[in-house]
């Protein structure tokens, strides 16, 4: 198997994969229990331990039988996926077709450590639309190493909302390559609550004028969890906007990472790139690492980045207490307000409601 990345690689300096390399992963076992599925009125594709379960899945007119395909890039996790990939989805939306919503569920469980490496391909023709709601859940010690290849042709719009809520002994590495043509849009939001170590890495290429990429995330982690959200947005055409907003709430000894890079080619005049990371530390032992990067070769651009890391504002706590609110309740109100702001980029009502229910559950455990 290709080697796991080490912290000697600049892109991995904040995420240590040695805990994963110390485990011997076997083949995925068969799943006998029926998972609990969300009550959403959309077609769904359900994967159990990496294998498509046709009994739990429903028909989706634009899904084709899985066939292996070449993946791009030489990232360590992509190379490992290419070596072991066995299943996934292949979705092609014809030009001008509004495909509505699709639910993609990955459920994992097993007594002994195992690994699976799905490979998914999504292609939207000119002017097509699709909203993909992805749910990653599971219990036990396993490694899910996913690769997405996404192509959004001219004038198409792809919304991708992802909930990563796996058990605290699981590992999740997800790599996404997205090519966005002129006048097209790729809107992505990941909410990370689970896994012992997780890393989401997205590379988005804006290839035509007024192509748009929104890569947003929220991380809510506790205990000794580690969450990494890494992005690269390449502006390769003029007049393209991009937005990245990442909010993290870290309790216990949790560690969060955000690495965001904006690359602007010389031809990409009138680029408008924005990047913001905000972290709220609920414990003196929690840690947040933020690494923004701008690489600009064009003259007429508007690119900015910002970052804040801190604890609760004691003046705001005092203000609420002065109005008769107990201190514990005052802190809860402020934390919840910060969390609610994290969902502002989610412009899909059903996905937003799903995330809000999960946030309520997370808050109750803290």
Protein backbone atom coordinates (compact mmCIF):
# COMPACT_ATOMS: atom_id res chain seq x y z
CA UNK A 1 0.00 0.00 0.00
CA UNK A 2 1.15 3.55 -0.69
CA UNK A 3 2.59 5.22 2.38
CA UNK A 4 0.54 7.41 4.67
CA UNK A 5 1.57 11.07 4.76
CA UNK A 6 3.78 12.32 7.55
CA UNK A 7 4.09 15.72 9.18
CA UNK A 8 7.26 16.29 7.16
CA UNK A 9 4.93 17.16 4.27
CA UNK A 10 3.93 20.82 4.50
CA UNK A 11 0.28 20.05 3.70
CA UNK A 12 0.17 17.60 6.63
CA UNK A 13 2.25 19.40 9.23
CA UNK A 14 -0.76 19.91 11.54
CA UNK A 15 -2.32 16.44 11.16
CA UNK A 16 -0.51 13.38 12.50
CA UNK A 17 -1.63 10.11 10.90
CA UNK A 18 0.55 7.85 13.08
CA UNK A 19 -2.45 6.64 15.14
CA UNK A 20 -3.92 5.26 11.91
CA UNK A 21 -0.68 3.59 10.80
CA UNK A 22 -0.49 1.74 14.13
CA UNK A 23 -3.71 -0.19 13.33
CA UNK A 24 -3.97 -3.25 11.11
CA UNK A 25 -7.11 -2.84 9.00
CA UNK A 26 -8.87 -5.84 7.50
CA UNK A 27 -11.59 -6.21 4.89
CA UNK A 28 -15.04 -4.73 5.64
CA UNK A 29 -17.38 -7.25 7.28
CA UNK A 30 -20.95 -7.87 6.20
CA UNK A 31 -23.53 -5.72 7.97
CA UNK A 32 -26.57 -7.48 9.39
CA UNK A 33 -28.26 -4.65 11.31
CA UNK A 34 -30.46 -2.16 9.46
CA UNK A 35 -29.19 1.40 9.98
CA UNK A 36 -31.43 4.25 11.03
CA UNK A 37 -32.00 6.46 8.01
CA UNK A 38 -33.09 10.09 8.09
CA UNK A 39 -36.73 10.82 7.34
CA UNK A 40 -36.19 12.83 4.17
CA UNK A 41 -38.42 12.47 1.09
CA UNK A 42 -35.57 12.13 -1.41
CA UNK A 43 -34.09 9.29 -3.45
CA UNK A 44 -31.22 7.70 -1.56
CA UNK A 45 -28.16 5.56 -2.08
CA UNK A 46 -27.08 3.65 1.03
CA UNK A 47 -23.61 2.18 1.48
CA UNK A 48 -22.94 -0.25 4.33
CA UNK A 49 -19.25 -0.71 5.11
CA UNK A 50 -18.47 0.68 1.67
CA UNK A 51 -20.82 -1.58 -0.34
CA UNK A 52 -24.00 -0.33 -2.00
CA UNK A 53 -27.08 -1.88 -0.36
CA UNK A 54 -29.73 -2.13 -3.06
CA UNK A 55 -32.48 -3.11 -0.60
CA UNK A 56 -32.13 0.15 1.33
CA UNK A 57 -31.43 2.31 -1.72
CA UNK A 58 -34.07 3.74 -4.02
CA UNK A 59 -33.97 4.40 -7.74
CA UNK A 60 -32.35 7.57 -9.03
CA UNK A 61 -32.68 8.10 -12.75
CA UNK A 62 -29.25 9.66 -13.19
CA UNK A 63 -27.17 7.07 -11.32
CA UNK A 64 -25.18 4.60 -13.39
CA UNK A 65 -23.61 1.31 -12.33
CA UNK A 66 -20.25 1.85 -10.72
CA UNK A 67 -17.20 1.36 -12.91
CA UNK A 68 -13.61 2.19 -11.96
CA UNK A 69 -12.30 5.47 -13.35
CA UNK A 70 -9.03 7.34 -13.18
CA UNK A 71 -8.60 9.95 -10.47
CA UNK A 72 -6.49 13.08 -10.60
CA UNK A 73 -3.81 14.31 -8.30
CA UNK A 74 -0.97 12.74 -6.37
CA UNK A 75 -2.18 13.42 -2.84
CA UNK A 76 -1.32 10.52 -0.53
CA UNK A 77 -4.95 9.64 0.20
CA UNK A 78 -5.87 9.71 -3.50
CA UNK A 79 -3.07 7.28 -4.30
CA UNK A 80 -4.20 4.94 -1.53
CA UNK A 81 -7.78 5.16 -2.76
CA UNK A 82 -6.68 4.40 -6.32
CA UNK A 83 -4.97 1.26 -5.05
CA UNK A 84 -7.94 -0.10 -3.08
CA UNK A 85 -11.17 1.43 -4.49
CA UNK A 86 -13.94 -1.12 -5.02
CA UNK A 87 -17.22 0.79 -5.06
CA UNK A 88 -18.95 4.15 -5.23
CA UNK A 89 -21.48 6.06 -7.29
CA UNK A 90 -21.43 7.46 -10.80
CA UNK A 91 -23.95 10.24 -11.37
CA UNK A 92 -24.45 12.15 -14.61
CA UNK A 93 -27.11 14.86 -14.85
CA UNK A 94 -28.01 15.74 -18.47
CA UNK A 95 -27.84 19.31 -19.69
CA UNK A 96 -30.70 21.51 -18.51
CA UNK A 97 -32.04 18.89 -16.08
CA UNK A 98 -32.98 19.81 -12.48
CA UNK A 99 -32.32 16.52 -10.68
CA UNK A 100 -33.57 17.76 -7.31
CA UNK A 101 -32.11 16.18 -4.18
CA UNK A 102 -30.22 12.94 -3.58
CA UNK A 103 -29.31 11.42 -0.21
CA UNK A 104 -25.97 9.62 0.00
CA UNK A 105 -25.60 7.58 3.22
CA UNK A 106 -22.47 5.76 4.37
CA UNK A 107 -22.96 3.62 7.49
CA UNK A 108 -20.13 1.58 9.00
CA UNK A 109 -19.82 -0.87 11.91
CA UNK A 110 -17.75 -3.88 12.85
CA UNK A 111 -16.05 -5.64 15.74
CA UNK A 112 -12.53 -5.66 14.25
CA UNK A 113 -10.73 -2.76 12.50
CA UNK A 114 -11.45 -2.51 8.77
CA UNK A 115 -11.03 -0.03 5.91
CA UNK A 116 -12.91 0.88 2.76
CA UNK A 117 -12.13 3.33 -0.02
CA UNK A 118 -15.17 4.58 -1.99
CA UNK A 119 -14.70 6.51 -5.22
CA UNK A 120 -17.56 8.74 -6.39
CA UNK A 121 -18.03 10.66 -9.63
CA UNK A 122 -20.58 13.44 -10.16
CA UNK A 123 -21.01 15.27 -13.48
CA UNK A 124 -23.55 18.01 -14.18
CA UNK A 125 -24.21 18.97 -17.81
CA UNK A 126 -24.76 22.54 -18.94
CA UNK A 127 -27.43 24.29 -16.88
CA UNK A 128 -28.14 21.19 -14.75
CA UNK A 129 -28.86 21.25 -11.01
CA UNK A 130 -28.34 18.80 -8.17
CA UNK A 131 -28.36 18.93 -4.36
CA UNK A 132 -26.42 16.10 -2.72
CA UNK A 133 -26.95 15.49 1.02
CA UNK A 134 -24.18 13.22 2.30
CA UNK A 135 -24.28 11.50 5.69
CA UNK A 136 -21.26 9.63 7.11
CA UNK A 137 -22.06 7.67 10.27
CA UNK A 138 -20.73 4.62 12.07
CA UNK A 139 -19.40 2.94 15.18
CA UNK A 140 -16.21 1.06 15.90
CA UNK A 141 -12.66 1.30 14.61
CA UNK A 142 -12.54 1.72 10.84
CA UNK A 143 -11.06 3.96 8.16
CA UNK A 144 -13.20 5.51 5.43
CA UNK A 145 -11.02 7.03 2.69
CA UNK A 146 -13.26 8.70 0.10
CA UNK A 147 -12.46 10.40 -3.22
CA UNK A 148 -14.93 12.56 -5.16
CA UNK A 149 -14.41 13.64 -8.78
CA UNK A 150 -16.82 16.47 -9.61
CA UNK A 151 -17.42 18.24 -12.92
CA UNK A 152 -19.85 21.17 -13.11
CA UNK A 153 -20.34 22.34 -16.68
CA UNK A 154 -21.30 25.84 -17.83
CA UNK A 155 -24.29 27.34 -16.04
CA UNK A 156 -24.82 24.30 -13.80
CA UNK A 157 -25.25 24.41 -10.01
CA UNK A 158 -24.16 21.71 -7.58
CA UNK A 159 -24.98 22.00 -3.85
CA UNK A 160 -23.10 19.51 -1.66
CA UNK A 161 -24.03 19.34 2.04
CA UNK A 162 -22.13 16.83 4.15
CA UNK A 163 -22.53 15.61 7.75
CA UNK A 164 -19.61 13.66 9.21
CA UNK A 165 -20.89 12.13 12.47
CA UNK A 166 -18.86 8.96 12.89
CA UNK A 167 -17.79 7.32 16.14
CA UNK A 168 -14.82 8.61 18.09
CA UNK A 169 -12.69 5.58 17.19
CA UNK A 170 -13.19 5.99 13.44
CA UNK A 171 -10.95 7.70 10.87
CA UNK A 172 -12.29 9.68 7.93
CA UNK A 173 -10.24 11.12 5.07
CA UNK A 174 -12.22 12.72 2.24
CA UNK A 175 -10.65 14.24 -0.89
CA UNK A 176 -12.72 16.23 -3.39
CA UNK A 177 -11.63 17.47 -6.83
CA UNK A 178 -14.07 19.89 -8.47
CA UNK A 179 -13.86 21.54 -11.90
CA UNK A 180 -16.30 24.43 -12.28
CA UNK A 181 -16.94 25.89 -15.74
CA UNK A 182 -18.08 29.41 -16.63
CA UNK A 183 -21.26 30.67 -14.93
CA UNK A 184 -21.37 27.42 -12.90
CA UNK A 185 -21.39 27.06 -9.11
CA UNK A 186 -20.18 24.52 -6.57
CA UNK A 187 -21.46 25.16 -3.03
CA UNK A 188 -20.05 22.90 -0.34
CA UNK A 189 -20.65 22.71 3.41
CA UNK A 190 -19.24 20.10 5.80
CA UNK A 191 -20.31 19.74 9.43
CA UNK A 192 -17.77 17.65 11.33
CA UNK A 193 -18.68 16.20 14.72
CA UNK A 194 -17.29 12.69 14.58
CA UNK A 195 -14.19 10.53 14.09
CA UNK A 196 -11.00 10.31 16.08
CA UNK A 197 -9.11 11.91 13.19
CA UNK A 198 -10.81 13.45 10.17
CA UNK A 199 -9.53 15.43 7.23
CA UNK A 200 -11.53 16.97 4.41
CA UNK A 201 -9.42 18.21 1.50
CA UNK A 202 -11.05 20.08 -1.40
CA UNK A 203 -9.42 21.32 -4.60
CA UNK A 204 -11.72 23.54 -6.66
CA UNK A 205 -10.73 24.85 -10.10
CA UNK A 206 -12.63 27.86 -11.45
CA UNK A 207 -12.17 27.38 -15.19
CA UNK A 208 -14.54 29.86 -16.84
CA UNK A 209 -15.66 33.44 -16.31
CA UNK A 210 -18.00 34.02 -13.33
CA UNK A 211 -17.53 30.47 -12.06
CA UNK A 212 -18.23 30.34 -8.31
CA UNK A 213 -16.99 28.20 -5.42
CA UNK A 214 -18.23 28.33 -1.83
CA UNK A 215 -16.27 25.96 0.45
CA UNK A 216 -17.59 26.28 4.00
CA UNK A 217 -17.38 24.16 7.13
CA UNK A 218 -18.11 23.90 10.83
CA UNK A 219 -16.21 21.69 13.27
CA UNK A 220 -17.59 20.80 16.71
CA UNK A 221 -15.11 18.56 18.49
CA UNK A 222 -14.44 17.38 22.03
CA UNK A 223 -12.30 14.93 23.95
CA UNK A 224 -9.15 14.20 21.93
CA UNK A 225 -10.73 14.52 18.49
CA UNK A 226 -8.79 16.03 15.61
CA UNK A 227 -10.50 17.72 12.64
CA UNK A 228 -8.73 19.12 9.57
CA UNK A 229 -10.42 21.16 6.81
CA UNK A 230 -8.00 21.93 3.96
CA UNK A 231 -8.89 23.75 0.74
CA UNK A 232 -7.27 25.02 -2.44
CA UNK A 233 -9.25 27.27 -4.78
CA UNK A 234 -7.59 27.94 -8.13
CA UNK A 235 -8.85 30.98 -10.02
CA UNK A 236 -8.04 30.23 -13.66
CA UNK A 237 -10.45 32.65 -15.36
CA UNK A 238 -11.50 36.30 -14.91
CA UNK A 239 -14.41 37.56 -12.80
CA UNK A 240 -14.70 34.55 -10.50
CA UNK A 241 -15.80 34.86 -6.85
CA UNK A 242 -14.91 32.37 -4.11
CA UNK A 243 -15.90 32.23 -0.45
CA UNK A 244 -14.54 30.16 2.44
CA UNK A 245 -15.94 30.41 5.96
CA UNK A 246 -14.90 27.92 8.64
CA UNK A 247 -16.13 27.99 12.25
CA UNK A 248 -14.79 25.67 14.94
CA UNK A 249 -15.97 24.96 18.49
CA UNK A 250 -13.41 22.92 20.43
CA UNK A 251 -13.85 21.42 23.89
CA UNK A 252 -11.62 19.18 26.03
CA UNK A 253 -8.30 18.50 24.30
CA UNK A 254 -9.70 18.66 20.78
CA UNK A 255 -7.64 20.11 17.95
CA UNK A 256 -8.93 21.84 14.84
CA UNK A 257 -7.08 22.72 11.63
CA UNK A 258 -8.00 25.01 8.75
CA UNK A 259 -5.63 25.40 5.81
CA UNK A 260 -7.08 27.56 3.05
CA UNK A 261 -5.21 28.53 -0.10
CA UNK A 262 -6.33 30.85 -2.90
CA UNK A 263 -4.34 30.73 -6.15
CA UNK A 264 -4.96 33.44 -8.76
CA UNK A 265 -3.51 32.95 -12.25
CA UNK A 266 -2.32 35.94 -14.29
CA UNK A 267 -5.34 35.68 -16.57
CA UNK A 268 -7.78 35.75 -13.64
CA UNK A 269 -8.36 39.50 -13.41
CA UNK A 270 -11.31 40.78 -11.34
CA UNK A 271 -10.98 37.84 -8.95
CA UNK A 272 -12.95 38.22 -5.72
CA UNK A 273 -11.69 35.79 -3.08
CA UNK A 274 -12.68 35.82 0.59
CA UNK A 275 -11.59 33.57 3.43
CA UNK A 276 -12.49 33.64 7.13
CA UNK A 277 -11.82 31.26 10.02
CA UNK A 278 -13.21 31.67 13.53
CA UNK A 279 -12.59 29.33 16.45
CA UNK A 280 -14.12 29.23 19.92
CA UNK A 281 -12.06 27.36 22.51
CA UNK A 282 -14.08 26.03 25.44
CA UNK A 283 -11.06 24.60 27.24
CA UNK A 284 -7.49 25.82 27.88
CA UNK A 285 -6.28 22.50 26.46
CA UNK A 286 -8.09 22.87 23.12
CA UNK A 287 -6.04 23.99 20.10
CA UNK A 288 -6.74 25.56 16.72
CA UNK A 289 -4.22 25.87 13.86
CA UNK A 290 -5.04 28.23 10.99
CA UNK A 291 -2.92 28.62 7.88
CA UNK A 292 -4.30 31.03 5.23
CA UNK A 293 -2.41 31.42 1.95
CA UNK A 294 -2.78 33.79 -1.01
CA UNK A 295 -0.82 33.25 -4.21
CA UNK A 296 -1.68 36.02 -6.66
CA UNK A 297 -0.25 36.64 -10.12
CA UNK A 298 -2.96 39.02 -11.40
CA UNK A 299 -3.05 42.79 -10.84
CA UNK A 300 -6.75 43.65 -10.59
CA UNK A 301 -8.04 41.43 -7.79
CA UNK A 302 -9.81 41.63 -4.43
CA UNK A 303 -8.63 38.92 -2.06
CA UNK A 304 -8.78 38.92 1.73
CA UNK A 305 -8.51 36.57 4.67
CA UNK A 306 -9.11 36.82 8.39
CA UNK A 307 -8.89 34.66 11.48
CA UNK A 308 -9.97 34.82 15.12
CA UNK A 309 -9.27 32.37 17.94
CA UNK A 310 -10.43 32.90 21.49
CA UNK A 311 -12.56 31.97 24.44
CA UNK A 312 -15.98 33.36 25.29
CA UNK A 313 -16.13 37.13 25.67
CA UNK A 314 -16.40 37.70 29.42
CA UNK A 315 -17.95 41.12 28.87
CA UNK A 316 -20.81 39.49 26.98
CA UNK A 317 -21.16 36.91 29.75
CA UNK A 318 -21.27 39.73 32.32
CA UNK A 319 -23.88 41.61 30.26
CA UNK A 320 -26.21 38.60 30.24
CA UNK A 321 -25.63 37.92 33.95
CA UNK A 322 -26.49 41.56 34.73
CA UNK A 323 -29.90 40.87 33.21
CA UNK A 324 -30.56 38.04 35.65
CA UNK A 325 -29.36 35.12 33.52
CA UNK A 326 -27.32 32.51 35.43
CA UNK A 327 -23.69 32.23 34.33
CA UNK A 328 -24.02 28.69 32.95
CA UNK A 329 -27.05 29.70 30.89
CA UNK A 330 -25.31 32.86 29.69
CA UNK A 331 -22.36 30.85 28.40
CA UNK A 332 -24.68 28.38 26.70
CA UNK A 333 -26.53 31.22 24.93
CA UNK A 334 -23.28 32.68 23.56
CA UNK A 335 -21.92 29.33 22.42
CA UNK A 336 -25.19 28.45 20.73
CA UNK A 337 -25.24 31.82 18.92
CA UNK A 338 -21.73 31.13 17.59
CA UNK A 339 -22.80 27.68 16.43
CA UNK A 340 -25.94 29.00 14.73
CA UNK A 341 -23.82 31.44 12.72
CA UNK A 342 -21.88 28.48 11.36
CA UNK A 343 -24.98 27.32 9.48
CA UNK A 344 -25.56 30.59 7.62
CA UNK A 345 -23.90 29.30 4.40
CA UNK A 346 -26.39 26.41 4.18
CA UNK A 347 -29.02 27.63 1.71
CA UNK A 348 -31.09 24.43 1.67
CA UNK A 349 -33.89 24.22 4.23
CA UNK A 350 -33.99 20.43 4.72
CA UNK A 351 -30.21 20.18 5.09
CA UNK A 352 -30.15 23.08 7.51
CA UNK A 353 -32.88 21.49 9.65
CA UNK A 354 -30.92 18.23 9.72
CA UNK A 355 -27.78 20.02 10.86
CA UNK A 356 -29.68 21.94 13.55
CA UNK A 357 -31.04 18.70 15.02
CA UNK A 358 -27.52 17.28 15.18
CA UNK A 359 -26.21 20.44 16.83
CA UNK A 360 -28.87 20.14 19.53
CA UNK A 361 -27.69 16.62 20.23
CA UNK A 362 -24.02 17.64 20.35
CA UNK A 363 -24.68 20.53 22.69
CA UNK A 364 -26.53 18.27 25.10
CA UNK A 365 -23.39 16.13 25.51
CA UNK A 366 -21.05 19.00 26.37
